[in-house]
Amino acid sequence: MKALVPVYALSILMGMNAYANSQSATADGVDKDVTINRLMSKVPQGSTVTDTSCQEISTAGFNIRYRCTVTWQ
């Protein structure tokens, strides 16, 4: 059991490193462009946007909502 402690510690540190290097924000909205613009305002100054993606979500009554994610470093 004591031999596995370094393995657990290493896996925790690697997980924290992946989180620290990549951050994102996600939001829902009825207009794709408005939702992306709202998310872009959450990107910290000096950060670089690495990905922007949106997914259509069908709702009752044939309405469409968008779930968008902006990722930055």
PDB file of N, CA and C in Angstrom:
ATOM      1  N   MET A   1       0.825  -1.200   0.000  1.00  0.00           N
ATOM      2  CA  MET A   1       0.000   0.000   0.000  1.00  0.00           C
ATOM      3  C   MET A   1       0.865   1.258   0.000  1.00  0.00           C
ATOM      4  N   LYS A   2       1.936   1.266   0.795  1.00  0.00           N
ATOM      5  CA  LYS A   2       2.808   2.438   0.850  1.00  0.00           C
ATOM      6  C   LYS A   2       3.509   2.662  -0.481  1.00  0.00           C
ATOM      7  N   ALA A   3       3.712   1.599  -1.235  1.00  0.00           N
ATOM      8  CA  ALA A   3       4.382   1.724  -2.524  1.00  0.00           C
ATOM      9  C   ALA A   3       3.511   2.474  -3.533  1.00  0.00           C
ATOM     10  N   LEU A   4       2.210   2.494  -3.332  1.00  0.00           N
ATOM     11  CA  LEU A   4       1.305   3.164  -4.272  1.00  0.00           C
ATOM     12  C   LEU A   4       1.124   4.647  -3.971  1.00  0.00           C
ATOM     13  N   VAL A   5       1.563   5.120  -2.832  1.00  0.00           N
ATOM     14  CA  VAL A   5       1.394   6.529  -2.473  1.00  0.00           C
ATOM     15  C   VAL A   5       2.040   7.453  -3.509  1.00  0.00           C
ATOM     16  N   PRO A   6       3.277   7.204  -3.954  1.00  0.00           N
ATOM     17  CA  PRO A   6       3.842   8.083  -4.994  1.00  0.00           C
ATOM     18  C   PRO A   6       3.047   8.066  -6.297  1.00  0.00           C
ATOM     19  N   VAL A   7       2.473   6.938  -6.641  1.00  0.00           N
ATOM     20  CA  VAL A   7       1.667   6.845  -7.863  1.00  0.00           C
ATOM     21  C   VAL A   7       0.415   7.710  -7.728  1.00  0.00           C
ATOM     22  N   TYR A   8      -0.245   7.650  -6.578  1.00  0.00           N
ATOM     23  CA  TYR A   8      -1.434   8.484  -6.345  1.00  0.00           C
ATOM     24  C   TYR A   8      -1.073   9.967  -6.369  1.00  0.00           C
ATOM     25  N   ALA A   9       0.029  10.319  -5.716  1.00  0.00           N
ATOM     26  CA  ALA A   9       0.454  11.719  -5.677  1.00  0.00           C
ATOM     27  C   ALA A   9       0.757  12.232  -7.078  1.00  0.00           C
ATOM     28  N   LEU A  10       1.429  11.435  -7.881  1.00  0.00           N
ATOM     29  CA  LEU A  10       1.762  11.836  -9.242  1.00  0.00           C
ATOM     30  C   LEU A  10       0.510  12.023 -10.091  1.00  0.00           C
ATOM     31  N   SER A  11      -0.453  11.134  -9.948  1.00  0.00           N
ATOM     32  CA  SER A  11      -1.676  11.248 -10.737  1.00  0.00           C
ATOM     33  C   SER A  11      -2.471  12.494 -10.358  1.00  0.00           C
ATOM     34  N   ILE A  12      -2.471  12.861  -9.079  1.00  0.00           N
ATOM     35  CA  ILE A  12      -3.164  14.074  -8.647  1.00  0.00           C
ATOM     36  C   ILE A  12      -2.474  15.310  -9.225  1.00  0.00           C
ATOM     37  N   LEU A  13      -1.153  15.342  -9.164  1.00  0.00           N
ATOM     38  CA  LEU A  13      -0.421  16.485  -9.691  1.00  0.00           C
ATOM     39  C   LEU A  13      -0.598  16.630 -11.196  1.00  0.00           C
ATOM     40  N   MET A  14      -0.632  15.531 -11.919  1.00  0.00           N
ATOM     41  CA  MET A  14      -0.826  15.593 -13.366  1.00  0.00           C
ATOM     42  C   MET A  14      -2.227  16.096 -13.698  1.00  0.00           C
ATOM     43  N   GLY A  15      -3.207  15.693 -12.923  1.00  0.00           N
ATOM     44  CA  GLY A  15      -4.570  16.171 -13.134  1.00  0.00           C
ATOM     45  C   GLY A  15      -4.691  17.656 -12.888  1.00  0.00           C
ATOM     46  N   MET A  16      -4.018  18.169 -11.872  1.00  0.00           N
ATOM     47  CA  MET A  16      -4.036  19.604 -11.592  1.00  0.00           C
ATOM     48  C   MET A  16      -3.339  20.384 -12.693  1.00  0.00           C
ATOM     49  N   ASN A  17      -2.282  19.840 -13.244  1.00  0.00           N
ATOM     50  CA  ASN A  17      -1.558  20.512 -14.310  1.00  0.00           C
ATOM     51  C   ASN A  17      -2.434  20.641 -15.554  1.00  0.00           C
ATOM     52  N   ALA A  18      -3.174  19.627 -15.890  1.00  0.00           N
ATOM     53  CA  ALA A  18      -4.057  19.688 -17.056  1.00  0.00           C
ATOM     54  C   ALA A  18      -5.134  20.741 -16.851  1.00  0.00           C
ATOM     55  N   TYR A  19      -5.648  20.878 -15.631  1.00  0.00           N
ATOM     56  CA  TYR A  19      -6.669  21.876 -15.352  1.00  0.00           C
ATOM     57  C   TYR A  19      -6.087  23.284 -15.426  1.00  0.00           C
ATOM     58  N   ALA A  20      -4.878  23.453 -14.943  1.00  0.00           N
ATOM     59  CA  ALA A  20      -4.262  24.780 -14.912  1.00  0.00           C
ATOM     60  C   ALA A  20      -3.936  25.291 -16.311  1.00  0.00           C
ATOM     61  N   ASN A  21      -3.672  24.416 -17.257  1.00  0.00           N
ATOM     62  CA  ASN A  21      -3.277  24.840 -18.593  1.00  0.00           C
ATOM     63  C   ASN A  21      -4.447  25.073 -19.533  1.00  0.00           C
ATOM     64  N   SER A  22      -5.618  24.614 -19.197  1.00  0.00           N
ATOM     65  CA  SER A  22      -6.757  24.748 -20.093  1.00  0.00           C
ATOM     66  C   SER A  22      -7.992  25.113 -19.289  1.00  0.00           C
ATOM     67  N   GLN A  23      -8.629  26.217 -19.665  1.00  0.00           N
ATOM     68  CA  GLN A  23      -9.833  26.640 -18.970  1.00  0.00           C
ATOM     69  C   GLN A  23     -10.920  26.908 -19.985  1.00  0.00           C
ATOM     70  N   SER A  24     -12.168  26.822 -19.530  1.00  0.00           N
ATOM     71  CA  SER A  24     -13.272  27.015 -20.449  1.00  0.00           C
ATOM     72  C   SER A  24     -14.482  27.579 -19.727  1.00  0.00           C
ATOM     73  N   ALA A  25     -15.434  28.046 -20.521  1.00  0.00           N
ATOM     74  CA  ALA A  25     -16.712  28.526 -20.013  1.00  0.00           C
ATOM     75  C   ALA A  25     -17.798  28.002 -20.940  1.00  0.00           C
ATOM     76  N   THR A  26     -18.931  27.632 -20.357  1.00  0.00           N
ATOM     77  CA  THR A  26     -20.057  27.086 -21.121  1.00  0.00           C
ATOM     78  C   THR A  26     -21.328  27.836 -20.745  1.00  0.00           C
ATOM     79  N   ALA A  27     -22.187  28.087 -21.746  1.00  0.00           N
ATOM     80  CA  ALA A  27     -23.456  28.759 -21.491  1.00  0.00           C
ATOM     81  C   ALA A  27     -24.494  28.310 -22.518  1.00  0.00           C
ATOM     82  N   ASP A  28     -25.764  28.476 -22.160  1.00  0.00           N
ATOM     83  CA  ASP A  28     -26.878  28.171 -23.055  1.00  0.00           C
ATOM     84  C   ASP A  28     -27.535  29.472 -23.490  1.00  0.00           C
ATOM     85  N   GLY A  29     -28.128  29.462 -24.693  1.00  0.00           N
ATOM     86  CA  GLY A  29     -28.849  30.629 -25.165  1.00  0.00           C
ATOM     87  C   GLY A  29     -29.654  30.303 -26.403  1.00  0.00           C
ATOM     88  N   VAL A  30     -30.560  31.217 -26.763  1.00  0.00           N
ATOM     89  CA  VAL A  30     -31.401  31.004 -27.938  1.00  0.00           C
ATOM     90  C   VAL A  30     -30.728  31.500 -29.214  1.00  0.00           C
ATOM     91  N   ASP A  31     -29.750  32.386 -29.085  1.00  0.00           N
ATOM     92  CA  ASP A  31     -29.020  32.902 -30.243  1.00  0.00           C
ATOM     93  C   ASP A  31     -27.558  32.505 -30.121  1.00  0.00           C
ATOM     94  N   LYS A  32     -27.054  31.845 -31.140  1.00  0.00           N
ATOM     95  CA  LYS A  32     -25.691  31.311 -31.118  1.00  0.00           C
ATOM     96  C   LYS A  32     -24.647  32.424 -30.976  1.00  0.00           C
ATOM     97  N   ASP A  33     -24.783  33.494 -31.780  1.00  0.00           N
ATOM     98  CA  ASP A  33     -23.800  34.571 -31.754  1.00  0.00           C
ATOM     99  C   ASP A  33     -23.795  35.317 -30.423  1.00  0.00           C
ATOM    100  N   VAL A  34     -24.959  35.563 -29.866  1.00  0.00           N
ATOM    101  CA  VAL A  34     -25.050  36.256 -28.578  1.00  0.00           C
ATOM    102  C   VAL A  34     -24.426  35.410 -27.472  1.00  0.00           C
ATOM    103  N   THR A  35     -24.666  34.117 -27.513  1.00  0.00           N
ATOM    104  CA  THR A  35     -24.105  33.218 -26.508  1.00  0.00           C
ATOM    105  C   THR A  35     -22.588  33.187 -26.587  1.00  0.00           C
ATOM    106  N   ILE A  36     -22.040  33.126 -27.797  1.00  0.00           N
ATOM    107  CA  ILE A  36     -20.582  33.129 -27.956  1.00  0.00           C
ATOM    108  C   ILE A  36     -19.996  34.452 -27.476  1.00  0.00           C
ATOM    109  N   ASN A  37     -20.630  35.577 -27.830  1.00  0.00           N
ATOM    110  CA  ASN A  37     -20.129  36.879 -27.392  1.00  0.00           C
ATOM    111  C   ASN A  37     -20.153  37.010 -25.870  1.00  0.00           C
ATOM    112  N   ARG A  38     -21.197  36.471 -25.258  1.00  0.00           N
ATOM    113  CA  ARG A  38     -21.290  36.501 -23.793  1.00  0.00           C
ATOM    114  C   ARG A  38     -20.152  35.697 -23.168  1.00  0.00           C
ATOM    115  N   LEU A  39     -19.825  34.554 -23.771  1.00  0.00           N
ATOM    116  CA  LEU A  39     -18.730  33.731 -23.259  1.00  0.00           C
ATOM    117  C   LEU A  39     -17.368  34.379 -23.508  1.00  0.00           C
ATOM    118  N   MET A  40     -17.208  35.047 -24.640  1.00  0.00           N
ATOM    119  CA  MET A  40     -15.932  35.697 -24.942  1.00  0.00           C
ATOM    120  C   MET A  40     -15.613  36.781 -23.918  1.00  0.00           C
ATOM    121  N   SER A  41     -16.644  37.371 -23.323  1.00  0.00           N
ATOM    122  CA  SER A  41     -16.400  38.405 -22.317  1.00  0.00           C
ATOM    123  C   SER A  41     -15.840  37.810 -21.026  1.00  0.00           C
ATOM    124  N   LYS A  42     -15.938  36.500 -20.859  1.00  0.00           N
ATOM    125  CA  LYS A  42     -15.413  35.831 -19.666  1.00  0.00           C
ATOM    126  C   LYS A  42     -13.952  35.401 -19.817  1.00  0.00           C
ATOM    127  N   VAL A  43     -13.402  35.500 -21.030  1.00  0.00           N
ATOM    128  CA  VAL A  43     -12.007  35.116 -21.268  1.00  0.00           C
ATOM    129  C   VAL A  43     -11.103  36.175 -20.639  1.00  0.00           C
ATOM    130  N   PRO A  44     -10.186  35.764 -19.768  1.00  0.00           N
ATOM    131  CA  PRO A  44      -9.290  36.739 -19.133  1.00  0.00           C
ATOM    132  C   PRO A  44      -8.398  37.449 -20.151  1.00  0.00           C
ATOM    133  N   GLN A  45      -8.062  38.717 -19.862  1.00  0.00           N
ATOM    134  CA  GLN A  45      -7.181  39.464 -20.751  1.00  0.00           C
ATOM    135  C   GLN A  45      -5.828  38.775 -20.820  1.00  0.00           C
ATOM    136  N   GLY A  46      -5.271  38.745 -22.015  1.00  0.00           N
ATOM    137  CA  GLY A  46      -3.977  38.111 -22.220  1.00  0.00           C
ATOM    138  C   GLY A  46      -4.072  36.629 -22.542  1.00  0.00           C
ATOM    139  N   SER A  47      -5.256  36.047 -22.415  1.00  0.00           N
ATOM    140  CA  SER A  47      -5.440  34.631 -22.739  1.00  0.00           C
ATOM    141  C   SER A  47      -5.732  34.476 -24.220  1.00  0.00           C
ATOM    142  N   THR A  48      -5.444  33.293 -24.741  1.00  0.00           N
ATOM    143  CA  THR A  48      -5.682  32.987 -26.143  1.00  0.00           C
ATOM    144  C   THR A  48      -6.817  31.980 -26.253  1.00  0.00           C
ATOM    145  N   VAL A  49      -7.847  32.314 -27.038  1.00  0.00           N
ATOM    146  CA  VAL A  49      -8.966  31.389 -27.265  1.00  0.00           C
ATOM    147  C   VAL A  49      -8.471  30.271 -28.170  1.00  0.00           C
ATOM    148  N   THR A  50      -8.627  29.027 -27.701  1.00  0.00           N
ATOM    149  CA  THR A  50      -8.144  27.880 -28.473  1.00  0.00           C
ATOM    150  C   THR A  50      -9.271  27.130 -29.180  1.00  0.00           C
ATOM    151  N   ASP A  51     -10.521  27.278 -28.702  1.00  0.00           N
ATOM    152  CA  ASP A  51     -11.616  26.552 -29.339  1.00  0.00           C
ATOM    153  C   ASP A  51     -12.943  27.217 -28.986  1.00  0.00           C
ATOM    154  N   THR A  52     -13.837  27.239 -29.949  1.00  0.00           N
ATOM    155  CA  THR A  52     -15.209  27.704 -29.749  1.00  0.00           C
ATOM    156  C   THR A  52     -16.115  26.687 -30.421  1.00  0.00           C
ATOM    157  N   SER A  53     -17.052  26.134 -29.651  1.00  0.00           N
ATOM    158  CA  SER A  53     -17.952  25.149 -30.236  1.00  0.00           C
ATOM    159  C   SER A  53     -19.358  25.340 -29.690  1.00  0.00           C
ATOM    160  N   CYS A  54     -20.350  25.000 -30.515  1.00  0.00           N
ATOM    161  CA  CYS A  54     -21.754  25.098 -30.119  1.00  0.00           C
ATOM    162  C   CYS A  54     -22.480  23.825 -30.520  1.00  0.00           C
ATOM    163  N   GLN A  55     -23.446  23.472 -29.697  1.00  0.00           N
ATOM    164  CA  GLN A  55     -24.246  22.282 -29.936  1.00  0.00           C
ATOM    165  C   GLN A  55     -25.712  22.686 -29.893  1.00  0.00           C
ATOM    166  N   GLU A  56     -26.480  22.251 -30.883  1.00  0.00           N
ATOM    167  CA  GLU A  56     -27.916  22.543 -30.906  1.00  0.00           C
ATOM    168  C   GLU A  56     -28.641  21.611 -29.949  1.00  0.00           C
ATOM    169  N   ILE A  57     -29.543  22.179 -29.170  1.00  0.00           N
ATOM    170  CA  ILE A  57     -30.343  21.393 -28.236  1.00  0.00           C
ATOM    171  C   ILE A  57     -31.806  21.641 -28.562  1.00  0.00           C
ATOM    172  N   SER A  58     -32.521  20.596 -28.935  1.00  0.00           N
ATOM    173  CA  SER A  58     -33.945  20.723 -29.244  1.00  0.00           C
ATOM    174  C   SER A  58     -34.737  20.748 -27.950  1.00  0.00           C
ATOM    175  N   THR A  59     -35.719  21.631 -27.892  1.00  0.00           N
ATOM    176  CA  THR A  59     -36.587  21.724 -26.721  1.00  0.00           C
ATOM    177  C   THR A  59     -38.027  21.513 -27.159  1.00  0.00           C
ATOM    178  N   ALA A  60     -38.922  21.493 -26.207  1.00  0.00           N
ATOM    179  CA  ALA A  60     -40.343  21.284 -26.514  1.00  0.00           C
ATOM    180  C   ALA A  60     -40.854  22.410 -27.412  1.00  0.00           C
ATOM    181  N   GLY A  61     -41.745  22.085 -28.308  1.00  0.00           N
ATOM    182  CA  GLY A  61     -42.318  23.079 -29.205  1.00  0.00           C
ATOM    183  C   GLY A  61     -41.423  23.412 -30.380  1.00  0.00           C
ATOM    184  N   PHE A  62     -40.515  22.539 -30.716  1.00  0.00           N
ATOM    185  CA  PHE A  62     -39.611  22.694 -31.854  1.00  0.00           C
ATOM    186  C   PHE A  62     -38.720  23.938 -31.744  1.00  0.00           C
ATOM    187  N   ASN A  63     -38.431  24.362 -30.532  1.00  0.00           N
ATOM    188  CA  ASN A  63     -37.500  25.462 -30.318  1.00  0.00           C
ATOM    189  C   ASN A  63     -36.086  24.905 -30.249  1.00  0.00           C
ATOM    190  N   ILE A  64     -35.126  25.720 -30.614  1.00  0.00           N
ATOM    191  CA  ILE A  64     -33.727  25.299 -30.571  1.00  0.00           C
ATOM    192  C   ILE A  64     -32.962  26.237 -29.647  1.00  0.00           C
ATOM    193  N   ARG A  65     -32.172  25.650 -28.784  1.00  0.00           N
ATOM    194  CA  ARG A  65     -31.252  26.398 -27.919  1.00  0.00           C
ATOM    195  C   ARG A  65     -29.842  25.949 -28.284  1.00  0.00           C
ATOM    196  N   TYR A  66     -28.894  26.762 -27.941  1.00  0.00           N
ATOM    197  CA  TYR A  66     -27.496  26.454 -28.210  1.00  0.00           C
ATOM    198  C   TYR A  66     -26.733  26.348 -26.898  1.00  0.00           C
ATOM    199  N   ARG A  67     -25.921  25.326 -26.777  1.00  0.00           N
ATOM    200  CA  ARG A  67     -24.990  25.190 -25.657  1.00  0.00           C
ATOM    201  C   ARG A  67     -23.597  25.377 -26.253  1.00  0.00           C
ATOM    202  N   CYS A  68     -22.969  26.500 -25.910  1.00  0.00           N
ATOM    203  CA  CYS A  68     -21.680  26.853 -26.484  1.00  0.00           C
ATOM    204  C   CYS A  68     -20.588  26.796 -25.412  1.00  0.00           C
ATOM    205  N   THR A  69     -19.387  26.457 -25.847  1.00  0.00           N
ATOM    206  CA  THR A  69     -18.219  26.392 -24.974  1.00  0.00           C
ATOM    207  C   THR A  69     -17.073  27.133 -25.634  1.00  0.00           C
ATOM    208  N   VAL A  70     -16.407  27.968 -24.851  1.00  0.00           N
ATOM    209  CA  VAL A  70     -15.201  28.666 -25.292  1.00  0.00           C
ATOM    210  C   VAL A  70     -14.065  28.184 -24.402  1.00  0.00           C
ATOM    211  N   THR A  71     -12.983  27.744 -25.020  1.00  0.00           N
ATOM    212  CA  THR A  71     -11.814  27.245 -24.289  1.00  0.00           C
ATOM    213  C   THR A  71     -10.636  28.162 -24.549  1.00  0.00           C
ATOM    214  N   TRP A  72      -9.875  28.454 -23.508  1.00  0.00           N
ATOM    215  CA  TRP A  72      -8.714  29.324 -23.649  1.00  0.00           C
ATOM    216  C   TRP A  72      -7.542  28.805 -22.837  1.00  0.00           C
ATOM    217  N   GLN A  73      -6.370  29.371 -23.137  1.00  0.00           N
ATOM    218  CA  GLN A  73      -5.150  29.051 -22.401  1.00  0.00           C
ATOM    219  C   GLN A  73      -4.552  30.323 -21.859  1.00  0.00           C
TER     220      GLN A  73
END
